[in-house]
């Protein structure tokens, strides 16, 4: 039988985090704003953020969700895990840290790379780039990704919905990742004082 742990932050906090998960990923009937990105796209972005934030727990959770959704939707096979790993490695480059010549080379390589992913899942590379830009407050990356997202979503409400979907995921994933990465440390520290949670 699995051990049920009390949440360190308290059950009301966990309830709020679960509610945020629902509003960012699965939706809450009659409460959530309608999603523009489908659930698989939202899970892909969440997985990318889990890689970016280096949270093993989140990577496993969202990887399983993607596998489930891909089977359910009978989507074509592609090595999405490897592509996402390369994408995150690529997006760790920060314009503020490289020369103009390096940036020009990065832009050229990014466009080739983004098109490669676009053929597997349209728009996905730019959604991930926008999410990473928000996550690290990188206005240059956000502007680059927004340009592509904007050109693919001419309807204002649709564009707002895409941006809203991505922004919610970033906020949720930051909170969930922080909790998932620090809970084991906090539990260990509390155990040194004889407190079991």
Protein backbone atom coordinates (compact mmCIF):
# COMPACT_ATOMS: atom_id res chain seq x y z
CA UNK A 1 0.00 0.00 0.00
CA UNK A 2 1.35 3.41 -0.97
CA UNK A 3 2.20 5.86 1.76
CA UNK A 4 0.02 8.96 1.68
CA UNK A 5 1.99 12.03 2.62
CA UNK A 6 0.49 15.17 4.03
CA UNK A 7 1.40 18.15 1.88
CA UNK A 8 4.05 20.34 3.47
CA UNK A 9 2.25 23.50 2.38
CA UNK A 10 -1.09 22.28 3.72
CA UNK A 11 -4.08 20.81 1.89
CA UNK A 12 -5.66 24.16 0.94
CA UNK A 13 -2.44 25.14 -0.88
CA UNK A 14 -2.35 21.79 -2.68
CA UNK A 15 -5.99 22.27 -3.65
CA UNK A 16 -5.11 25.63 -5.20
CA UNK A 17 -2.17 24.07 -7.08
CA UNK A 18 -4.47 21.30 -8.36
CA UNK A 19 -6.99 23.95 -9.44
CA UNK A 20 -4.22 25.82 -11.29
CA UNK A 21 -3.24 22.57 -13.00
CA UNK A 22 -6.79 22.12 -14.17
CA UNK A 23 -7.07 25.70 -15.46
CA UNK A 24 -3.70 25.49 -17.22
CA UNK A 25 -3.83 21.98 -18.66
CA UNK A 26 -7.04 19.96 -18.44
CA UNK A 27 -9.69 22.65 -18.04
CA UNK A 28 -12.53 23.04 -15.57
CA UNK A 29 -15.99 22.72 -17.16
CA UNK A 30 -17.97 25.97 -17.03
CA UNK A 31 -15.09 27.73 -15.23
CA UNK A 32 -11.98 27.78 -17.44
CA UNK A 33 -11.68 30.15 -20.37
CA UNK A 34 -11.81 28.14 -23.59
CA UNK A 35 -8.42 26.84 -24.65
CA UNK A 36 -7.03 27.66 -28.06
CA UNK A 37 -4.14 25.20 -27.82
CA UNK A 38 -5.26 21.59 -27.56
CA UNK A 39 -4.39 19.43 -24.55
CA UNK A 40 -1.51 17.70 -26.33
CA UNK A 41 0.03 21.07 -27.23
CA UNK A 42 -0.34 22.24 -23.64
CA UNK A 43 1.30 19.04 -22.37
CA UNK A 44 4.15 19.43 -24.88
CA UNK A 45 4.79 22.95 -23.58
CA UNK A 46 4.56 21.75 -19.97
CA UNK A 47 7.10 19.01 -20.74
CA UNK A 48 9.42 21.55 -22.37
CA UNK A 49 9.17 23.75 -19.29
CA UNK A 50 9.86 20.73 -17.06
CA UNK A 51 13.07 20.20 -19.03
CA UNK A 52 13.93 23.89 -18.82
CA UNK A 53 13.29 24.00 -15.06
CA UNK A 54 15.14 20.67 -14.65
CA UNK A 55 12.36 18.96 -12.68
CA UNK A 56 12.53 15.17 -13.05
CA UNK A 57 9.12 14.66 -11.37
CA UNK A 58 7.42 17.06 -13.80
CA UNK A 59 9.22 15.52 -16.78
CA UNK A 60 7.93 12.05 -15.90
CA UNK A 61 4.38 13.29 -15.23
CA UNK A 62 4.05 15.27 -18.47
CA UNK A 63 5.87 12.63 -20.53
CA UNK A 64 3.26 10.05 -19.44
CA UNK A 65 0.44 12.50 -20.21
CA UNK A 66 1.87 13.09 -23.70
CA UNK A 67 2.20 9.36 -24.35
CA UNK A 68 -1.43 8.86 -23.27
CA UNK A 69 -2.70 11.71 -25.48
CA UNK A 70 -0.62 10.60 -28.46
CA UNK A 71 -2.06 7.07 -28.25
CA UNK A 72 -5.58 8.44 -27.79
CA UNK A 73 -5.18 10.77 -30.79
CA UNK A 74 -3.31 8.20 -32.93
CA UNK A 75 -0.70 10.86 -33.78
CA UNK A 76 2.15 10.05 -36.19
CA UNK A 77 5.34 8.73 -34.63
CA UNK A 78 8.31 11.06 -34.11
CA UNK A 79 11.07 11.20 -31.56
CA UNK A 80 9.51 14.08 -29.65
CA UNK A 81 11.54 13.54 -26.44
CA UNK A 82 14.83 13.93 -28.30
CA UNK A 83 13.52 16.91 -30.26
CA UNK A 84 12.36 18.63 -27.08
CA UNK A 85 15.71 18.06 -25.40
CA UNK A 86 17.49 19.63 -28.40
CA UNK A 87 14.97 22.48 -28.43
CA UNK A 88 15.58 23.34 -24.77
CA UNK A 89 19.34 23.13 -25.21
CA UNK A 90 19.01 25.44 -28.21
CA UNK A 91 16.75 27.90 -26.37
CA UNK A 92 19.16 28.22 -23.42
CA UNK A 93 21.14 30.62 -25.60
CA UNK A 94 20.47 34.13 -24.37
CA UNK A 95 20.90 37.03 -26.82
CA UNK A 96 22.40 39.11 -24.02
CA UNK A 97 25.31 36.66 -23.74
CA UNK A 98 26.45 36.41 -27.37
CA UNK A 99 27.84 38.63 -30.12
CA UNK A 100 25.90 40.02 -33.08
CA UNK A 101 27.54 37.49 -35.41
CA UNK A 102 26.66 34.62 -33.07
CA UNK A 103 23.09 35.89 -32.83
CA UNK A 104 22.76 36.03 -36.61
CA UNK A 105 23.98 32.43 -36.78
CA UNK A 106 21.63 31.42 -33.98
CA UNK A 107 18.65 32.98 -35.78
CA UNK A 108 19.47 31.16 -39.01
CA UNK A 109 19.86 27.84 -37.18
CA UNK A 110 16.68 28.43 -35.14
CA UNK A 111 14.58 29.00 -38.23
CA UNK A 112 15.77 25.71 -39.74
CA UNK A 113 15.22 23.92 -36.45
CA UNK A 114 11.75 25.43 -35.86
CA UNK A 115 10.61 24.47 -39.37
CA UNK A 116 11.76 20.89 -38.73
CA UNK A 117 9.50 20.72 -35.64
CA UNK A 118 6.74 22.62 -37.44
CA UNK A 119 6.45 19.72 -39.92
CA UNK A 120 5.84 17.37 -36.99
CA UNK A 121 3.48 19.70 -35.13
CA UNK A 122 2.67 23.15 -36.61
CA UNK A 123 3.55 26.13 -34.41
CA UNK A 124 4.95 24.04 -31.57
CA UNK A 125 8.57 25.27 -31.67
CA UNK A 126 7.46 28.89 -31.38
CA UNK A 127 5.01 28.09 -28.58
CA UNK A 128 7.87 26.50 -26.65
CA UNK A 129 10.21 29.41 -27.45
CA UNK A 130 7.58 31.88 -26.22
CA UNK A 131 7.13 29.89 -23.00
CA UNK A 132 10.90 29.82 -22.37
CA UNK A 133 11.08 33.53 -23.11
CA UNK A 134 8.39 34.22 -20.50
CA UNK A 135 10.03 31.83 -18.02
CA UNK A 136 13.34 33.67 -18.08
CA UNK A 137 11.96 37.14 -18.83
CA UNK A 138 13.77 37.25 -22.17
CA UNK A 139 12.08 39.97 -24.19
CA UNK A 140 14.16 39.26 -27.31
CA UNK A 141 13.13 35.59 -27.40
CA UNK A 142 9.53 36.49 -26.58
CA UNK A 143 9.45 39.01 -29.44
CA UNK A 144 10.96 36.52 -31.88
CA UNK A 145 8.45 33.80 -30.96
CA UNK A 146 5.52 36.24 -30.80
CA UNK A 147 6.22 37.34 -34.37
CA UNK A 148 5.67 33.78 -35.60
CA UNK A 149 2.71 33.12 -33.32
CA UNK A 150 1.10 36.39 -34.36
CA UNK A 151 1.53 35.73 -38.09
CA UNK A 152 -0.13 32.30 -37.67
CA UNK A 153 -3.08 33.65 -35.65
CA UNK A 154 -4.64 36.62 -37.44
CA UNK A 155 -7.81 36.58 -35.33
CA UNK A 156 -7.24 38.76 -32.24
CA UNK A 157 -9.22 36.52 -29.88
CA UNK A 158 -7.36 33.45 -31.10
CA UNK A 159 -3.98 35.17 -30.64
CA UNK A 160 -4.95 36.30 -27.14
CA UNK A 161 -6.04 32.75 -26.34
CA UNK A 162 -2.74 31.23 -27.50
CA UNK A 163 -0.74 33.73 -25.46
CA UNK A 164 -3.01 33.19 -22.44
CA UNK A 165 -2.67 29.39 -22.70
CA UNK A 166 1.13 29.62 -22.83
CA UNK A 167 1.42 32.21 -20.05
CA UNK A 168 -0.78 30.14 -17.71
CA UNK A 169 1.40 27.10 -18.33
CA UNK A 170 4.56 29.03 -17.44
CA UNK A 171 3.05 30.31 -14.19
CA UNK A 172 1.71 26.89 -13.23
CA UNK A 173 4.88 25.01 -14.15
CA UNK A 174 7.10 27.38 -12.19
CA UNK A 175 4.98 26.85 -9.07
CA UNK A 176 4.70 23.07 -9.56
CA UNK A 177 8.39 22.65 -10.36
CA UNK A 178 9.49 24.63 -7.33
CA UNK A 179 7.24 22.52 -5.12
CA UNK A 180 8.28 19.21 -6.66
CA UNK A 181 12.00 19.99 -6.49
CA UNK A 182 12.06 21.36 -2.96
CA UNK A 183 9.57 19.07 -1.18
CA UNK A 184 12.10 16.22 -0.73
CA UNK A 185 14.66 18.64 0.70
CA UNK A 186 12.15 20.19 3.07
CA UNK A 187 10.91 16.75 4.19
CA UNK A 188 14.49 15.69 4.90
CA UNK A 189 15.14 18.84 6.90
CA UNK A 190 11.96 18.36 8.93
CA UNK A 191 12.86 14.73 9.64
CA UNK A 192 16.09 15.96 11.33
CA UNK A 193 13.77 17.57 13.87
CA UNK A 194 11.56 14.47 14.16
CA UNK A 195 8.71 15.96 12.11
CA UNK A 196 7.13 13.50 9.69
CA UNK A 197 5.11 14.91 6.82
